[in-house]
Amino acid sequence: MFSKLAKVANAAFAVALGAALLGTGAGSANADPGPPVLGGGSGIIIDNQFECTVTTVGHDNAGRLVGLTAGHCGDPGAQVYAESDRGSGVIGRFAYSNHDLDYAVIQFDPGKITPVNRVGNVTITGVGAPASFPQIVCKEGRTTGNTCGLAWGDVFRTNVETWSQMCVVEGDSGAPVVVGTTLVGMVNAYLAIACFGPEVGTNMSAIMADINGRGGVGAGYIPI
């Protein structure tokens, strides 16, 4: 699990928001015509075991189609399936996973998805600075859908994370956190009680700085 965020969360008796295990009896869905539609807020299945949420989909500076999700959802090489259409098979793989900041970069296979910038009630038109008190932030998660709440800001002055009062539960890991249509962070954990306790997530500014500083897959990312 991500060490920097987890240290703060554990000190506050937080419960890490891990990806939910799939039922062992779950069957494969029939493939729909055309590639599955995927964007920030879509559900994904990792290695046929875990369910998480895509943060955003776009292109890096090499033209690769990539996406982001929570780092605790998988490690490099993990296979990704679209929850809405498991029958379409593997749509991509984890290219990089940072367990300190708890984010991962997914590289999608060419032609395997239809990328979009709107899922449910969340539209992503760009990436921006972290939310601060008393802004209202919203998220779109594969488990709890669209929920909004008050941003508490960087409570512990980490320059990495933002706390908010949004409902999140297992499976919402990686969900995009937005102010209006600006992507400001992702969902990573919650405090004590699912849905009722405050949510904590990594700021997009910290994620983008790390991706661009590292180079490789995801560097220069721009949302669809």
C-alpha atoms as a PDB file:
ATOM      1  CA  MET A   1       0.000   0.000   0.000  1.00  0.00           C
ATOM      2  CA  PHE A   2       1.141   3.564  -0.479  1.00  0.00           C
ATOM      3  CA  SER A   3       3.520   4.563   2.288  1.00  0.00           C
ATOM      4  CA  LYS A   4       3.247   8.363   2.403  1.00  0.00           C
ATOM      5  CA  LEU A   5      -0.541   8.450   2.374  1.00  0.00           C
ATOM      6  CA  ALA A   6      -0.814   5.356   4.543  1.00  0.00           C
ATOM      7  CA  LYS A   7       1.363   6.831   7.272  1.00  0.00           C
ATOM      8  CA  VAL A   8      -1.016   9.749   7.594  1.00  0.00           C
ATOM      9  CA  ALA A   9      -4.056   7.521   7.296  1.00  0.00           C
ATOM     10  CA  ASN A  10      -2.825   5.031   9.880  1.00  0.00           C
ATOM     11  CA  ALA A  11      -2.020   7.810  12.312  1.00  0.00           C
ATOM     12  CA  ALA A  12      -5.632   8.931  12.032  1.00  0.00           C
ATOM     13  CA  PHE A  13      -6.988   5.358  12.266  1.00  0.00           C
ATOM     14  CA  ALA A  14      -7.792   5.398   8.545  1.00  0.00           C
ATOM     15  CA  VAL A  15      -8.766   2.293   6.626  1.00  0.00           C
ATOM     16  CA  ALA A  16      -7.034   1.914   3.273  1.00  0.00           C
ATOM     17  CA  LEU A  17      -9.473   1.823   0.369  1.00  0.00           C
ATOM     18  CA  GLY A  18      -8.261  -1.310  -1.426  1.00  0.00           C
ATOM     19  CA  ALA A  19      -9.668  -2.761  -4.591  1.00  0.00           C
ATOM     20  CA  ALA A  20     -12.580  -5.081  -3.900  1.00  0.00           C
ATOM     21  CA  LEU A  21     -12.155  -8.811  -4.559  1.00  0.00           C
ATOM     22  CA  LEU A  22     -14.303 -10.263  -7.292  1.00  0.00           C
ATOM     23  CA  GLY A  23     -16.634 -13.135  -6.485  1.00  0.00           C
ATOM     24  CA  THR A  24     -15.065 -16.452  -7.450  1.00  0.00           C
ATOM     25  CA  GLY A  25     -18.182 -17.444  -9.368  1.00  0.00           C
ATOM     26  CA  ALA A  26     -18.309 -14.361 -11.586  1.00  0.00           C
ATOM     27  CA  GLY A  27     -18.710 -15.230 -15.271  1.00  0.00           C
ATOM     28  CA  SER A  28     -17.479 -13.418 -18.348  1.00  0.00           C
ATOM     29  CA  ALA A  29     -19.883 -11.030 -20.023  1.00  0.00           C
ATOM     30  CA  ASN A  30     -20.649 -11.234 -23.713  1.00  0.00           C
ATOM     31  CA  ALA A  31     -18.736  -8.724 -25.805  1.00  0.00           C
ATOM     32  CA  ASP A  32     -20.698  -5.728 -27.072  1.00  0.00           C
ATOM     33  CA  PRO A  33     -20.252  -4.479 -30.655  1.00  0.00           C
ATOM     34  CA  GLY A  34     -17.171  -2.281 -30.843  1.00  0.00           C
ATOM     35  CA  PRO A  35     -14.515  -1.613 -28.204  1.00  0.00           C
ATOM     36  CA  PRO A  36     -15.757  -0.862 -24.673  1.00  0.00           C
ATOM     37  CA  VAL A  37     -16.185   2.805 -23.781  1.00  0.00           C
ATOM     38  CA  LEU A  38     -13.748   3.849 -21.041  1.00  0.00           C
ATOM     39  CA  GLY A  39     -12.991   7.088 -19.225  1.00  0.00           C
ATOM     40  CA  GLY A  40     -12.517   8.609 -15.798  1.00  0.00           C
ATOM     41  CA  GLY A  41     -15.091   6.874 -13.602  1.00  0.00           C
ATOM     42  CA  SER A  42     -15.280   3.578 -15.534  1.00  0.00           C
ATOM     43  CA  GLY A  43     -14.888   0.278 -13.706  1.00  0.00           C
ATOM     44  CA  ILE A  44     -11.958  -1.985 -14.517  1.00  0.00           C
ATOM     45  CA  ILE A  45     -10.984  -5.501 -13.474  1.00  0.00           C
ATOM     46  CA  ILE A  46      -7.330  -6.222 -12.771  1.00  0.00           C
ATOM     47  CA  ASP A  47      -5.899  -9.722 -13.295  1.00  0.00           C
ATOM     48  CA  ASN A  48      -9.460 -11.104 -13.137  1.00  0.00           C
ATOM     49  CA  GLN A  49      -9.343 -10.524  -9.356  1.00  0.00           C
ATOM     50  CA  PHE A  50      -9.739  -6.890  -8.359  1.00  0.00           C
ATOM     51  CA  GLU A  51     -12.172  -4.098  -9.202  1.00  0.00           C
ATOM     52  CA  CYS A  52     -11.055  -0.477  -9.346  1.00  0.00           C
ATOM     53  CA  THR A  53     -11.963   2.765 -11.102  1.00  0.00           C
ATOM     54  CA  VAL A  54     -10.171   4.566 -13.930  1.00  0.00           C
ATOM     55  CA  THR A  55      -9.086   8.105 -13.016  1.00  0.00           C
ATOM     56  CA  THR A  56      -8.708   9.438 -16.539  1.00  0.00           C
ATOM     57  CA  VAL A  57      -7.831   8.379 -20.078  1.00  0.00           C
ATOM     58  CA  GLY A  58      -5.688  10.327 -22.533  1.00  0.00           C
ATOM     59  CA  HIS A  59      -2.420  10.368 -24.456  1.00  0.00           C
ATOM     60  CA  ASP A  60       1.186  10.811 -23.368  1.00  0.00           C
ATOM     61  CA  ASN A  61       3.839  12.739 -25.279  1.00  0.00           C
ATOM     62  CA  ALA A  62       4.671   9.676 -27.371  1.00  0.00           C
ATOM     63  CA  GLY A  63       1.058   9.364 -28.551  1.00  0.00           C
ATOM     64  CA  ARG A  64       0.337   6.272 -26.457  1.00  0.00           C
ATOM     65  CA  LEU A  65      -3.216   5.825 -25.163  1.00  0.00           C
ATOM     66  CA  VAL A  66      -2.855   5.642 -21.396  1.00  0.00           C
ATOM     67  CA  GLY A  67      -4.898   5.939 -18.228  1.00  0.00           C
ATOM     68  CA  LEU A  68      -4.468   6.281 -14.494  1.00  0.00           C
ATOM     69  CA  THR A  69      -5.838   4.445 -11.469  1.00  0.00           C
ATOM     70  CA  ALA A  70      -4.795   3.786  -7.856  1.00  0.00           C
ATOM     71  CA  GLY A  71      -1.389   2.165  -7.363  1.00  0.00           C
ATOM     72  CA  HIS A  72      -2.631  -0.441  -4.891  1.00  0.00           C
ATOM     73  CA  CYS A  73      -4.882  -1.855  -7.634  1.00  0.00           C
ATOM     74  CA  GLY A  74      -1.976  -3.635  -9.327  1.00  0.00           C
ATOM     75  CA  ASP A  75       1.689  -3.883 -10.209  1.00  0.00           C
ATOM     76  CA  PRO A  76       3.486  -3.531 -13.548  1.00  0.00           C
ATOM     77  CA  GLY A  77       2.315  -6.175 -16.000  1.00  0.00           C
ATOM     78  CA  ALA A  78      -1.117  -6.601 -14.401  1.00  0.00           C
ATOM     79  CA  GLN A  79      -3.794  -7.237 -17.013  1.00  0.00           C
ATOM     80  CA  VAL A  80      -6.755  -4.874 -17.317  1.00  0.00           C
ATOM     81  CA  TYR A  81     -10.300  -5.720 -18.414  1.00  0.00           C
ATOM     82  CA  ALA A  82     -13.267  -3.390 -18.903  1.00  0.00           C
ATOM     83  CA  GLU A  83     -15.859  -4.166 -16.247  1.00  0.00           C
ATOM     84  CA  SER A  84     -18.642  -3.225 -18.664  1.00  0.00           C
ATOM     85  CA  ASP A  85     -17.437  -5.764 -21.236  1.00  0.00           C
ATOM     86  CA  ARG A  86     -15.195  -8.487 -19.853  1.00  0.00           C
ATOM     87  CA  GLY A  87     -15.798 -10.481 -23.002  1.00  0.00           C
ATOM     88  CA  SER A  88     -13.676  -8.018 -24.968  1.00  0.00           C
ATOM     89  CA  GLY A  89     -10.624  -9.502 -23.241  1.00  0.00           C
ATOM     90  CA  VAL A  90      -7.482  -7.741 -22.062  1.00  0.00           C
ATOM     91  CA  ILE A  91      -7.605  -4.050 -22.987  1.00  0.00           C
ATOM     92  CA  GLY A  92      -4.258  -3.020 -21.515  1.00  0.00           C
ATOM     93  CA  ARG A  93      -1.683  -3.545 -18.801  1.00  0.00           C
ATOM     94  CA  PHE A  94      -0.174  -1.668 -15.882  1.00  0.00           C
ATOM     95  CA  ALA A  95       2.989  -0.014 -17.196  1.00  0.00           C
ATOM     96  CA  TYR A  96       4.029   1.566 -13.894  1.00  0.00           C
ATOM     97  CA  SER A  97       2.820   1.547 -10.294  1.00  0.00           C
ATOM     98  CA  ASN A  98       3.972   3.973  -7.610  1.00  0.00           C
ATOM     99  CA  HIS A  99       3.122   2.705  -4.127  1.00  0.00           C
ATOM    100  CA  ASP A 100       4.378   5.843  -2.385  1.00  0.00           C
ATOM    101  CA  LEU A 101       1.939   8.140  -4.170  1.00  0.00           C
ATOM    102  CA  ASP A 102      -0.514   5.272  -4.810  1.00  0.00           C
ATOM    103  CA  TYR A 103      -1.082   5.806  -8.508  1.00  0.00           C
ATOM    104  CA  ALA A 104      -0.564   3.573 -11.531  1.00  0.00           C
ATOM    105  CA  VAL A 105      -0.230   4.166 -15.263  1.00  0.00           C
ATOM    106  CA  ILE A 106      -2.138   1.866 -17.614  1.00  0.00           C
ATOM    107  CA  GLN A 107      -1.091   1.509 -21.244  1.00  0.00           C
ATOM    108  CA  PHE A 108      -4.064   0.489 -23.361  1.00  0.00           C
ATOM    109  CA  ASP A 109      -3.716  -1.774 -26.375  1.00  0.00           C
ATOM    110  CA  PRO A 110      -4.427   0.014 -29.692  1.00  0.00           C
ATOM    111  CA  GLY A 111      -8.074  -0.230 -30.737  1.00  0.00           C
ATOM    112  CA  LYS A 112      -9.151  -2.041 -27.565  1.00  0.00           C
ATOM    113  CA  ILE A 113     -11.147   0.840 -26.012  1.00  0.00           C
ATOM    114  CA  THR A 114     -13.212   3.849 -27.032  1.00  0.00           C
ATOM    115  CA  PRO A 115     -11.803   6.650 -24.849  1.00  0.00           C
ATOM    116  CA  VAL A 116     -14.158   9.333 -23.525  1.00  0.00           C
ATOM    117  CA  ASN A 117     -13.885  12.349 -21.240  1.00  0.00           C
ATOM    118  CA  ARG A 118     -17.311  11.896 -19.631  1.00  0.00           C
ATOM    119  CA  VAL A 119     -18.587   8.985 -17.529  1.00  0.00           C
ATOM    120  CA  GLY A 120     -21.784   9.321 -15.514  1.00  0.00           C
ATOM    121  CA  ASN A 121     -21.947  12.848 -14.126  1.00  0.00           C
ATOM    122  CA  VAL A 122     -18.233  13.662 -14.358  1.00  0.00           C
ATOM    123  CA  THR A 123     -16.626  15.348 -17.352  1.00  0.00           C
ATOM    124  CA  ILE A 124     -12.858  15.937 -17.460  1.00  0.00           C
ATOM    125  CA  THR A 125     -11.607  18.809 -19.609  1.00  0.00           C
ATOM    126  CA  GLY A 126      -8.203  19.335 -17.998  1.00  0.00           C
ATOM    127  CA  VAL A 127      -5.908  18.822 -15.018  1.00  0.00           C
ATOM    128  CA  GLY A 128      -5.583  21.445 -12.295  1.00  0.00           C
ATOM    129  CA  ALA A 129      -4.310  22.412  -8.856  1.00  0.00           C
ATOM    130  CA  PRO A 130      -5.458  20.605  -5.679  1.00  0.00           C
ATOM    131  CA  ALA A 131      -8.807  21.498  -4.135  1.00  0.00           C
ATOM    132  CA  SER A 132      -8.804  23.577  -0.967  1.00  0.00           C
ATOM    133  CA  PHE A 133     -11.307  24.376   1.770  1.00  0.00           C
ATOM    134  CA  PRO A 134     -14.184  25.202   1.243  1.00  0.00           C
ATOM    135  CA  GLN A 135     -14.421  24.053  -2.387  1.00  0.00           C
ATOM    136  CA  ILE A 136     -16.873  21.308  -3.352  1.00  0.00           C
ATOM    137  CA  VAL A 137     -15.331  18.276  -5.023  1.00  0.00           C
ATOM    138  CA  CYS A 138     -17.088  15.405  -6.803  1.00  0.00           C
ATOM    139  CA  LYS A 139     -16.076  11.936  -7.926  1.00  0.00           C
ATOM    140  CA  GLU A 140     -17.392   9.172 -10.184  1.00  0.00           C
ATOM    141  CA  GLY A 141     -16.670   5.678  -8.839  1.00  0.00           C
ATOM    142  CA  ARG A 142     -17.568   2.249 -10.193  1.00  0.00           C
ATOM    143  CA  THR A 143     -19.126   1.295  -6.814  1.00  0.00           C
ATOM    144  CA  THR A 144     -20.882   4.393  -5.471  1.00  0.00           C
ATOM    145  CA  GLY A 145     -21.241   6.427  -8.653  1.00  0.00           C
ATOM    146  CA  ASN A 146     -21.340  10.198  -8.403  1.00  0.00           C
ATOM    147  CA  THR A 147     -20.923  11.766  -4.965  1.00  0.00           C
ATOM    148  CA  CYS A 148     -19.804  15.231  -3.873  1.00  0.00           C
ATOM    149  CA  GLY A 149     -18.611  16.841  -0.674  1.00  0.00           C
ATOM    150  CA  LEU A 150     -16.644  19.566   1.017  1.00  0.00           C
ATOM    151  CA  ALA A 151     -12.878  19.630   0.466  1.00  0.00           C
ATOM    152  CA  TRP A 152     -10.935  19.859   3.725  1.00  0.00           C
ATOM    153  CA  GLY A 153      -7.705  20.480   1.817  1.00  0.00           C
ATOM    154  CA  ASP A 154      -4.191  19.302   2.656  1.00  0.00           C
ATOM    155  CA  VAL A 155      -4.976  18.581   6.314  1.00  0.00           C
ATOM    156  CA  PHE A 156      -1.531  17.251   7.236  1.00  0.00           C
ATOM    157  CA  ARG A 157       0.448  19.598   4.912  1.00  0.00           C
ATOM    158  CA  THR A 158       1.967  16.791   2.870  1.00  0.00           C
ATOM    159  CA  ASN A 159       1.874  18.680  -0.463  1.00  0.00           C
ATOM    160  CA  VAL A 160       0.657  15.363  -1.860  1.00  0.00           C
ATOM    161  CA  GLU A 161      -2.891  14.652  -0.688  1.00  0.00           C
ATOM    162  CA  THR A 162      -6.285  16.271  -0.191  1.00  0.00           C
ATOM    163  CA  TRP A 163      -9.016  15.241   2.257  1.00  0.00           C
ATOM    164  CA  SER A 164     -12.717  15.627   1.485  1.00  0.00           C
ATOM    165  CA  GLN A 165     -16.135  14.616   2.769  1.00  0.00           C
ATOM    166  CA  MET A 166     -17.201  12.416  -0.169  1.00  0.00           C
ATOM    167  CA  CYS A 167     -18.780   8.978   0.069  1.00  0.00           C
ATOM    168  CA  VAL A 168     -16.328   6.317  -1.148  1.00  0.00           C
ATOM    169  CA  VAL A 169     -16.120   2.564  -0.582  1.00  0.00           C
ATOM    170  CA  GLU A 170     -14.068  -0.370  -1.887  1.00  0.00           C
ATOM    171  CA  GLY A 171     -13.909  -0.443  -5.669  1.00  0.00           C
ATOM    172  CA  ASP A 172     -13.943   3.370  -5.906  1.00  0.00           C
ATOM    173  CA  SER A 173     -10.139   3.314  -5.713  1.00  0.00           C
ATOM    174  CA  GLY A 174      -8.733   5.497  -8.477  1.00  0.00           C
ATOM    175  CA  ALA A 175     -11.971   7.414  -9.045  1.00  0.00           C
ATOM    176  CA  PRO A 176     -11.458  10.890 -10.516  1.00  0.00           C
ATOM    177  CA  VAL A 177     -11.895  13.799  -8.103  1.00  0.00           C
ATOM    178  CA  VAL A 178     -12.974  16.972  -9.883  1.00  0.00           C
ATOM    179  CA  VAL A 179     -13.802  20.592  -9.239  1.00  0.00           C
ATOM    180  CA  GLY A 180     -16.254  21.364 -12.004  1.00  0.00           C
ATOM    181  CA  THR A 181     -14.656  19.693 -15.018  1.00  0.00           C
ATOM    182  CA  THR A 182     -11.072  20.015 -13.769  1.00  0.00           C
ATOM    183  CA  LEU A 183      -9.370  16.835 -12.563  1.00  0.00           C
ATOM    184  CA  VAL A 184      -7.630  17.630  -9.268  1.00  0.00           C
ATOM    185  CA  GLY A 185      -7.004  14.200  -7.721  1.00  0.00           C
ATOM    186  CA  MET A 186      -7.940  10.545  -7.354  1.00  0.00           C
ATOM    187  CA  VAL A 187      -9.620   8.513  -4.614  1.00  0.00           C
ATOM    188  CA  ASN A 188      -7.222   6.389  -2.523  1.00  0.00           C
ATOM    189  CA  ALA A 189      -8.497   5.856   1.046  1.00  0.00           C
ATOM    190  CA  TYR A 190     -11.148   6.688   3.648  1.00  0.00           C
ATOM    191  CA  LEU A 191     -11.127   7.347   7.361  1.00  0.00           C
ATOM    192  CA  ALA A 192     -12.558   4.610   9.620  1.00  0.00           C
ATOM    193  CA  ILE A 193     -16.068   4.144   8.161  1.00  0.00           C
ATOM    194  CA  ALA A 194     -16.781   3.607   4.469  1.00  0.00           C
ATOM    195  CA  CYS A 195     -18.928   6.350   2.908  1.00  0.00           C
ATOM    196  CA  PHE A 196     -19.252   8.281   6.186  1.00  0.00           C
ATOM    197  CA  GLY A 197     -15.595   8.887   7.029  1.00  0.00           C
ATOM    198  CA  PRO A 198     -13.542  11.490   5.139  1.00  0.00           C
ATOM    199  CA  GLU A 199     -11.896  10.481   1.871  1.00  0.00           C
ATOM    200  CA  VAL A 200      -8.214  11.018   1.126  1.00  0.00           C
ATOM    201  CA  GLY A 201      -6.584  10.997  -2.273  1.00  0.00           C
ATOM    202  CA  THR A 202      -3.442  11.886  -4.177  1.00  0.00           C
ATOM    203  CA  ASN A 203      -3.332  15.266  -5.917  1.00  0.00           C
ATOM    204  CA  MET A 204      -3.003  15.242  -9.692  1.00  0.00           C
ATOM    205  CA  SER A 205      -0.264  17.881  -9.385  1.00  0.00           C
ATOM    206  CA  ALA A 206       1.874  15.413  -7.409  1.00  0.00           C
ATOM    207  CA  ILE A 207       1.075  12.565  -9.805  1.00  0.00           C
ATOM    208  CA  MET A 208       1.901  14.587 -12.924  1.00  0.00           C
ATOM    209  CA  ALA A 209       5.151  15.863 -11.416  1.00  0.00           C
ATOM    210  CA  ASP A 210       6.232  12.297 -10.685  1.00  0.00           C
ATOM    211  CA  ILE A 211       5.183  10.954 -14.094  1.00  0.00           C
ATOM    212  CA  ASN A 212       6.936  13.735 -15.985  1.00  0.00           C
ATOM    213  CA  GLY A 213      10.022  13.531 -13.805  1.00  0.00           C
ATOM    214  CA  ARG A 214      10.288   9.787 -14.368  1.00  0.00           C
ATOM    215  CA  GLY A 215       9.659   9.873 -18.112  1.00  0.00           C
ATOM    216  CA  GLY A 216       8.502   6.884 -20.123  1.00  0.00           C
ATOM    217  CA  VAL A 217       4.905   5.729 -20.425  1.00  0.00           C
ATOM    218  CA  GLY A 218       2.528   8.471 -19.287  1.00  0.00           C
ATOM    219  CA  ALA A 219       4.964  11.396 -19.439  1.00  0.00           C
ATOM    220  CA  GLY A 220       3.389  14.539 -20.868  1.00  0.00           C
ATOM    221  CA  TYR A 221      -0.097  13.160 -20.224  1.00  0.00           C
ATOM    222  CA  ILE A 222      -3.083  15.097 -21.594  1.00  0.00           C
ATOM    223  CA  PRO A 223      -6.688  13.912 -20.990  1.00  0.00           C
ATOM    224  CA  ILE A 224      -8.979  13.054 -23.910  1.00  0.00           C
END
